[in-house]
Amino acid sequence: MAATDTVDTVRALVWHGDALELLDQRLLPGTHEWLCLTDAETVAAAIRDMVVRGAPAIGIAAAYGLALAARAGDSVAVAAKRLAAARPTAINLHWALARMGAVADSATAGELAARLAHEAEVIHAEDVAANRRMGELGAAELGVPGAVLTHCNTGALATGGFGTALGVIRAGWAAGRITEVFADETRPWLQGSRLTAWELAREAIPARVLCDGAAAALLARGAVRWVITGADRVAANGDVANKIGTYGLAVLTRHHGVGFMVVAPSSTVDPAMESGAGIPIEERPEEEVLACGGRRIAPGEARAWNPVFDVTPAALVDVLVTERGVVHRPDRQRMRAMMTRTGPVDTLRTAP
């Protein structure tokens, strides 16, 4: 099977024209429940409460949320503010809202709802196409066959379809360049064990889940050739904000001589953010760390620190893959070149 023939069997979002259906990812893999949302307020709540997660999927959901606001005759500007406040770190959310806002500014009252719905559908379709292209580009970087490690969930559930880092893994498996996948469980929401392992199992890609703390021992054994992750925001200098634990993996890869690949669409790049130091890092409730599966696992007096993301310096990133091309050892100059070039995607490769 060619890499371009790989398909994902999962969708996180389905648009019906008058409603947005979201697969409730809080309940997976045991329960498959779809929520039908018909207004922007419930879409914002679904983003905030982790019904839908993953930077690209959040941006797409927000776009549909604005379309629902316009359809209901609600203020698009007010809806945009509520949606923007739902999750602070993922730049795709703000990128999608800005793009939808530009369409709203140029639309008449009579055409507003139709134009926003169309733009949201375009954003969704573009994300799927970008993911498939990133899968091809990233798989071509893998070299000789071997095992890979991934963190969090970056598959169809986190995007419009196919996935970013998991899209590269899908394409790499189809091309014979990946022999096995190790998935960090990814505490505290367990996106790796609940979601990534589920997606891979549905496509018969061999995978093993490991505790986040076991990654160092795995890399020390030489069992993995690449660590492949996604991103929620990439700064202008190539620093990467991603799920908490990513920075530690990047440090480990450098020590053990393992490749570190980040896969994210160009909409995740924030040219206005000079470096990762300025990226807002969301912190969620302490109870997410102090409990598991709804059961308290820490003593009542215990406190917790629960940052959702960390920042990996660009110096630790070997390869950044976007649909615009591949950047080796990203820095400010190479990032700018990748973001400003035009033309066929095959010409948008920034060499080391």
Protein backbone atom coordinates (compact mmCIF):
# COMPACT_ATOMS: atom_id res chain seq x y z
CA MET A 1 0.00 0.00 0.00
CA ALA A 2 1.35 3.43 -0.95
CA ALA A 3 1.54 6.10 1.69
CA THR A 4 -1.04 8.17 -0.17
CA ASP A 5 -3.50 5.27 0.04
CA THR A 6 -3.58 5.16 3.83
CA VAL A 7 -6.87 6.12 5.39
CA ASP A 8 -8.00 6.84 8.87
CA THR A 9 -11.18 5.22 10.10
CA VAL A 10 -11.96 7.91 12.68
CA ARG A 11 -13.49 11.36 12.56
CA ALA A 12 -13.74 13.72 15.53
CA LEU A 13 -16.06 16.27 13.88
CA VAL A 14 -19.01 15.97 11.51
CA TRP A 15 -20.74 19.05 10.09
CA HIS A 16 -24.41 18.82 9.12
CA GLY A 17 -25.01 22.37 7.96
CA ASP A 18 -27.22 23.25 10.91
CA ALA A 19 -25.32 21.40 13.66
CA LEU A 20 -21.86 20.21 14.59
CA GLU A 21 -21.44 16.69 15.92
CA LEU A 22 -18.42 15.99 18.12
CA LEU A 23 -17.21 12.59 19.23
CA ASP A 24 -16.84 12.95 23.00
CA GLN A 25 -13.16 12.09 23.46
CA ARG A 26 -13.46 12.10 27.25
CA LEU A 27 -15.31 8.79 27.05
CA LEU A 28 -13.10 6.92 24.58
CA PRO A 29 -12.26 4.15 24.04
CA GLY A 30 -15.00 2.49 26.05
CA THR A 31 -17.94 4.66 24.99
CA HIS A 32 -18.58 6.20 21.57
CA GLU A 33 -20.96 9.08 22.17
CA TRP A 34 -21.63 11.91 19.72
CA LEU A 35 -22.75 15.30 20.98
CA CYS A 36 -24.90 17.44 18.70
CA LEU A 37 -24.15 21.15 19.12
CA THR A 38 -26.24 23.90 17.59
CA ASP A 39 -24.78 27.11 19.03
CA ALA A 40 -21.40 28.72 19.61
CA GLU A 41 -21.70 28.66 23.38
CA THR A 42 -21.88 24.87 23.53
CA VAL A 43 -19.01 24.59 21.05
CA ALA A 44 -16.89 26.81 23.32
CA ALA A 45 -17.80 24.64 26.30
CA ALA A 46 -16.91 21.48 24.37
CA ILE A 47 -13.48 22.93 23.54
CA ARG A 48 -12.90 24.04 27.13
CA ASP A 49 -14.06 20.75 28.63
CA MET A 50 -11.95 18.53 26.32
CA VAL A 51 -14.83 17.00 24.37
CA VAL A 52 -12.76 17.97 21.36
CA ARG A 53 -8.99 18.45 21.68
CA GLY A 54 -5.91 18.74 19.52
CA ALA A 55 -4.93 22.13 18.10
CA PRO A 56 -6.21 21.62 14.51
CA ALA A 57 -9.50 20.06 15.65
CA ILE A 58 -10.04 22.91 18.11
CA GLY A 59 -9.58 25.46 15.34
CA ILE A 60 -12.01 23.64 13.04
CA ALA A 61 -14.60 23.30 15.79
CA ALA A 62 -14.32 27.01 16.55
CA ALA A 63 -14.84 27.85 12.87
CA TYR A 64 -18.03 25.81 12.83
CA GLY A 65 -19.03 27.47 16.10
CA LEU A 66 -18.93 30.89 14.42
CA ALA A 67 -20.96 29.51 11.53
CA LEU A 68 -23.58 28.35 14.02
CA ALA A 69 -23.60 31.78 15.67
CA ALA A 70 -24.25 33.47 12.34
CA ARG A 71 -26.97 30.94 11.46
CA ALA A 72 -28.75 31.70 14.75
CA GLY A 73 -28.44 35.45 14.23
CA ASP A 74 -26.14 35.82 17.22
CA SER A 75 -23.27 38.28 17.36
CA VAL A 76 -20.28 36.74 15.59
CA ALA A 77 -17.91 39.07 17.45
CA VAL A 78 -19.23 38.01 20.86
CA ALA A 79 -19.12 34.34 19.87
CA ALA A 80 -15.53 34.73 18.68
CA LYS A 81 -14.46 36.14 22.06
CA ARG A 82 -16.07 33.26 23.92
CA LEU A 83 -14.49 30.68 21.65
CA ALA A 84 -11.06 32.34 21.85
CA ALA A 85 -11.13 32.14 25.64
CA ALA A 86 -11.81 28.40 25.68
CA ARG A 87 -8.16 27.28 25.33
CA PRO A 88 -5.28 29.81 25.41
CA THR A 89 -2.26 27.90 24.05
CA ALA A 90 -3.36 26.38 20.73
CA ILE A 91 -2.76 29.05 18.08
CA ASN A 92 -4.95 27.21 15.55
CA LEU A 93 -7.98 28.38 17.53
CA HIS A 94 -7.05 32.03 17.11
CA TRP A 95 -5.91 31.51 13.52
CA ALA A 96 -9.25 29.99 12.54
CA LEU A 97 -11.22 32.70 14.31
CA ALA A 98 -9.19 35.43 12.60
CA ARG A 99 -9.75 33.81 9.21
CA MET A 100 -13.48 33.49 9.86
CA GLY A 101 -13.56 37.07 11.12
CA ALA A 102 -12.07 38.35 7.86
CA VAL A 103 -14.86 36.62 5.96
CA ALA A 104 -17.48 38.04 8.30
CA ASP A 105 -16.12 41.56 7.81
CA SER A 106 -16.54 41.32 4.05
CA ALA A 107 -19.98 39.66 4.05
CA THR A 108 -23.39 41.28 3.90
CA ALA A 109 -25.95 40.40 6.54
CA GLY A 110 -27.88 38.27 4.10
CA GLU A 111 -24.91 36.16 3.07
CA LEU A 112 -23.06 36.00 6.39
CA ALA A 113 -24.27 32.59 7.57
CA ALA A 114 -23.69 30.87 4.22
CA ARG A 115 -20.25 32.37 3.75
CA LEU A 116 -19.08 31.46 7.24
CA ALA A 117 -20.35 27.89 6.89
CA HIS A 118 -18.53 27.58 3.58
CA GLU A 119 -15.30 28.98 5.03
CA ALA A 120 -15.44 26.55 7.95
CA GLU A 121 -15.87 23.67 5.52
CA VAL A 122 -12.86 24.92 3.52
CA ILE A 123 -10.74 25.14 6.68
CA HIS A 124 -11.74 21.56 7.52
CA ALA A 125 -10.93 20.24 4.04
CA GLU A 126 -7.62 22.10 3.91
CA ASP A 127 -6.58 20.55 7.21
CA VAL A 128 -7.18 17.02 5.96
CA ALA A 129 -5.24 17.73 2.75
CA ALA A 130 -2.38 19.30 4.73
CA ASN A 131 -2.23 16.30 7.03
CA ARG A 132 -1.98 13.87 4.14
CA ARG A 133 0.80 15.92 2.60
CA MET A 134 2.67 16.09 5.91
CA GLY A 135 2.33 12.33 6.16
CA GLU A 136 4.13 11.92 2.86
CA LEU A 137 6.85 14.46 3.66
CA GLY A 138 7.47 13.16 7.17
CA ALA A 139 7.55 9.50 6.14
CA ALA A 140 10.22 10.32 3.56
CA GLU A 141 12.47 11.58 6.39
CA LEU A 142 12.39 8.36 8.41
CA GLY A 143 15.14 6.47 6.59
CA VAL A 144 15.71 2.82 7.40
CA PRO A 145 12.81 0.95 9.01
CA GLY A 146 12.52 1.04 12.79
CA ALA A 147 10.27 1.73 15.75
CA VAL A 148 9.03 5.18 16.75
CA LEU A 149 7.73 6.75 19.94
CA THR A 150 4.89 9.28 20.02
CA HIS A 151 3.36 11.38 22.77
CA CYS A 152 -0.25 12.43 23.39
CA ASN A 153 -2.69 11.99 20.48
CA THR A 154 -2.02 13.62 17.14
CA GLY A 155 -4.24 11.51 14.91
CA ALA A 156 -7.60 11.89 13.25
CA LEU A 157 -9.13 12.63 16.65
CA ALA A 158 -6.92 15.71 17.07
CA THR A 159 -7.42 17.09 13.55
CA GLY A 160 -9.88 17.30 10.71
CA GLY A 161 -8.74 13.82 9.70
CA PHE A 162 -5.65 11.60 9.18
CA GLY A 163 -3.51 13.38 11.75
CA THR A 164 -0.24 15.27 12.06
CA ALA A 165 2.43 13.20 13.84
CA LEU A 166 0.15 10.16 13.69
CA GLY A 167 -0.39 10.93 10.02
CA VAL A 168 3.36 10.57 9.48
CA ILE A 169 3.21 7.31 11.42
CA ARG A 170 0.32 6.07 9.27
CA ALA A 171 2.19 6.95 6.10
CA GLY A 172 5.47 5.55 7.44
CA TRP A 173 3.83 2.26 8.35
CA ALA A 174 2.22 1.99 4.92
CA ALA A 175 5.59 2.68 3.27
CA GLY A 176 7.39 0.04 5.34
CA ARG A 177 9.52 2.56 7.23
CA ILE A 178 7.95 1.97 10.66
CA THR A 179 7.99 -1.44 12.31
CA GLU A 180 6.27 -0.63 15.61
CA VAL A 181 4.85 2.30 17.52
CA PHE A 182 5.37 3.04 21.22
CA ALA A 183 2.77 5.41 22.67
CA ASP A 184 3.33 7.29 25.93
CA GLU A 185 0.21 6.99 28.07
CA THR A 186 0.32 10.81 28.50
CA ARG A 187 -0.91 11.67 31.98
CA PRO A 188 -3.19 13.07 33.23
CA TRP A 189 -5.77 12.74 30.41
CA LEU A 190 -4.18 9.55 29.04
CA GLN A 191 -4.52 10.62 25.41
CA GLY A 192 -1.85 8.12 24.41
CA SER A 193 -3.33 5.04 26.03
CA ARG A 194 -6.98 5.96 25.45
CA LEU A 195 -6.84 7.59 22.02
CA THR A 196 -3.60 6.93 20.16
CA ALA A 197 -3.55 3.24 20.98
CA TRP A 198 -7.21 3.03 19.96
CA GLU A 199 -6.60 4.70 16.59
CA LEU A 200 -3.61 2.49 15.83
CA ALA A 201 -5.45 -0.67 16.86
CA ARG A 202 -8.29 0.17 14.47
CA GLU A 203 -5.79 0.21 11.61
CA ALA A 204 -3.82 -2.85 12.75
CA ILE A 205 -0.61 -0.87 13.27
CA PRO A 206 1.38 -2.65 16.01
CA ALA A 207 1.65 -0.47 19.09
CA ARG A 208 2.61 -0.71 22.73
CA VAL A 209 1.67 1.75 25.48
CA LEU A 210 4.24 2.76 28.06
CA CYS A 211 4.19 4.93 31.16
CA ASP A 212 5.58 8.38 30.44
CA GLY A 213 8.42 7.71 32.88
CA ALA A 214 9.51 4.61 30.93
CA ALA A 215 10.49 6.56 27.82
CA ALA A 216 14.07 7.14 28.98
CA ALA A 217 14.66 3.43 29.55
CA LEU A 218 13.18 2.62 26.15
CA LEU A 219 15.43 5.11 24.35
CA ALA A 220 18.47 3.89 26.30
CA ARG A 221 17.89 0.41 24.87
CA GLY A 222 18.18 1.74 21.34
CA ALA A 223 14.71 0.41 20.56
CA VAL A 224 13.47 3.61 18.88
CA ARG A 225 14.80 5.52 15.89
CA TRP A 226 12.50 8.55 16.04
CA VAL A 227 10.31 10.40 18.51
CA ILE A 228 7.47 12.01 16.54
CA THR A 229 5.15 14.60 18.12
CA GLY A 230 2.69 17.28 17.13
CA ALA A 231 2.55 20.89 18.28
CA ASP A 232 -0.01 23.34 19.61
CA ARG A 233 2.06 26.40 18.70
CA VAL A 234 5.39 26.96 16.97
CA ALA A 235 7.14 30.28 17.58
CA ALA A 236 8.89 32.31 14.91
CA ASN A 237 12.28 30.95 16.00
CA GLY A 238 11.15 27.32 15.85
CA ASP A 239 10.45 26.77 19.58
CA VAL A 240 7.58 24.33 20.01
CA ALA A 241 4.78 24.25 22.58
CA ASN A 242 3.24 20.82 22.87
CA LYS A 243 1.68 18.45 25.39
CA ILE A 244 3.46 18.41 28.74
CA GLY A 245 6.29 15.87 28.62
CA THR A 246 7.39 16.72 25.08
CA TYR A 247 10.35 18.82 26.24
CA GLY A 248 11.67 15.93 28.33
CA LEU A 249 11.43 13.61 25.34
CA ALA A 250 13.38 16.07 23.20
CA VAL A 251 16.18 16.21 25.79
CA LEU A 252 16.25 12.41 25.92
CA THR A 253 16.47 12.07 22.15
CA ARG A 254 19.50 14.35 21.99
CA HIS A 255 21.26 12.36 24.72
CA HIS A 256 20.54 9.00 23.09
CA GLY A 257 21.10 10.01 19.45
CA VAL A 258 17.45 9.53 18.45
CA GLY A 259 15.74 11.77 15.89
CA PHE A 260 13.13 14.27 17.13
CA MET A 261 10.42 15.22 14.61
CA VAL A 262 7.62 17.74 15.07
CA VAL A 263 4.68 17.62 12.67
CA ALA A 264 2.25 20.53 12.48
CA PRO A 265 0.38 22.47 9.79
CA SER A 266 1.57 25.98 8.97
CA SER A 267 -1.53 27.30 10.78
CA THR A 268 0.19 26.19 14.01
CA VAL A 269 3.13 28.52 13.34
CA ASP A 270 2.77 31.88 15.09
CA PRO A 271 5.09 34.36 13.30
CA ALA A 272 4.17 37.06 15.82
CA MET A 273 5.51 34.99 18.72
CA GLU A 274 9.24 35.68 18.85
CA SER A 275 10.12 32.64 20.96
CA GLY A 276 8.58 29.97 23.12
CA ALA A 277 9.14 32.12 26.20
CA GLY A 278 6.11 34.19 25.27
CA ILE A 279 3.68 31.34 24.60
CA PRO A 280 0.88 31.25 27.19
CA ILE A 281 0.87 27.88 28.94
CA GLU A 282 -2.54 26.69 30.05
CA GLU A 283 -2.88 25.25 33.53
CA ARG A 284 -5.86 23.05 34.28
CA PRO A 285 -7.49 22.00 37.58
CA GLU A 286 -5.34 20.21 40.16
CA GLU A 287 -7.89 17.43 40.44
CA GLU A 288 -6.90 16.11 37.00
CA VAL A 289 -3.55 15.10 38.51
CA LEU A 290 -4.80 14.12 41.96
CA ALA A 291 -7.47 11.76 40.60
CA CYS A 292 -7.70 9.13 37.88
CA GLY A 293 -10.89 7.82 36.32
CA GLY A 294 -12.96 9.89 38.73
CA ARG A 295 -11.28 8.33 41.79
CA ARG A 296 -9.02 10.34 44.09
CA ILE A 297 -5.54 8.77 44.18
CA ALA A 298 -3.74 11.38 46.29
CA PRO A 299 -4.40 12.23 49.97
CA GLY A 300 -6.94 14.93 50.61
CA GLU A 301 -4.37 17.52 51.65
CA ALA A 302 -2.18 17.02 48.56
CA ARG A 303 -1.76 19.81 46.01
CA ALA A 304 -0.76 19.54 42.36
CA TRP A 305 0.76 21.54 39.52
CA ASN A 306 -0.97 20.81 36.22
CA PRO A 307 0.53 22.62 33.21
CA VAL A 308 -0.96 21.28 29.98
CA PHE A 309 2.00 22.12 27.74
CA ASP A 310 5.75 22.69 27.83
CA VAL A 311 8.10 24.39 25.39
CA THR A 312 10.83 22.55 23.48
CA PRO A 313 13.66 24.83 22.28
CA ALA A 314 14.20 24.81 18.54
CA ALA A 315 17.77 23.63 19.09
CA LEU A 316 16.38 20.23 20.14
CA VAL A 317 14.17 19.80 17.05
CA ASP A 318 15.80 17.81 14.26
CA VAL A 319 12.96 18.06 11.75
CA LEU A 320 9.84 20.22 11.57
CA VAL A 321 7.32 19.01 9.00
CA THR A 322 4.54 21.25 7.68
CA GLU A 323 2.46 21.00 4.52
CA ARG A 324 4.65 23.78 3.10
CA GLY A 325 7.78 21.68 3.39
CA VAL A 326 10.39 20.25 5.74
CA VAL A 327 12.66 22.37 7.92
CA HIS A 328 15.81 20.73 9.30
CA ARG A 329 17.12 22.23 12.55
CA PRO A 330 14.59 25.09 12.53
CA ASP A 331 15.70 28.58 13.41
CA ARG A 332 14.28 32.03 12.75
CA GLN A 333 15.70 32.34 9.23
CA ARG A 334 14.60 28.89 8.09
CA MET A 335 11.16 29.32 9.62
CA ARG A 336 10.69 32.61 7.81
CA ALA A 337 11.80 31.06 4.52
CA MET A 338 9.34 28.19 4.91
CA MET A 339 6.43 30.46 5.79
CA THR A 340 7.00 33.02 3.01
CA ARG A 341 7.79 30.83 0.02
CA THR A 342 5.12 30.18 -2.58
CA GLY A 343 4.77 27.60 -5.32
CA PRO A 344 4.42 23.81 -5.46
CA VAL A 345 4.89 22.15 -2.13
CA ASP A 346 7.82 20.10 -3.40
CA THR A 347 9.85 23.34 -3.73
CA LEU A 348 9.23 24.33 -0.12
CA ARG A 349 11.91 22.22 1.49
CA THR A 350 14.40 24.11 3.62
CA ALA A 351 17.67 22.20 3.62
CA PRO A 352 19.98 21.96 6.61
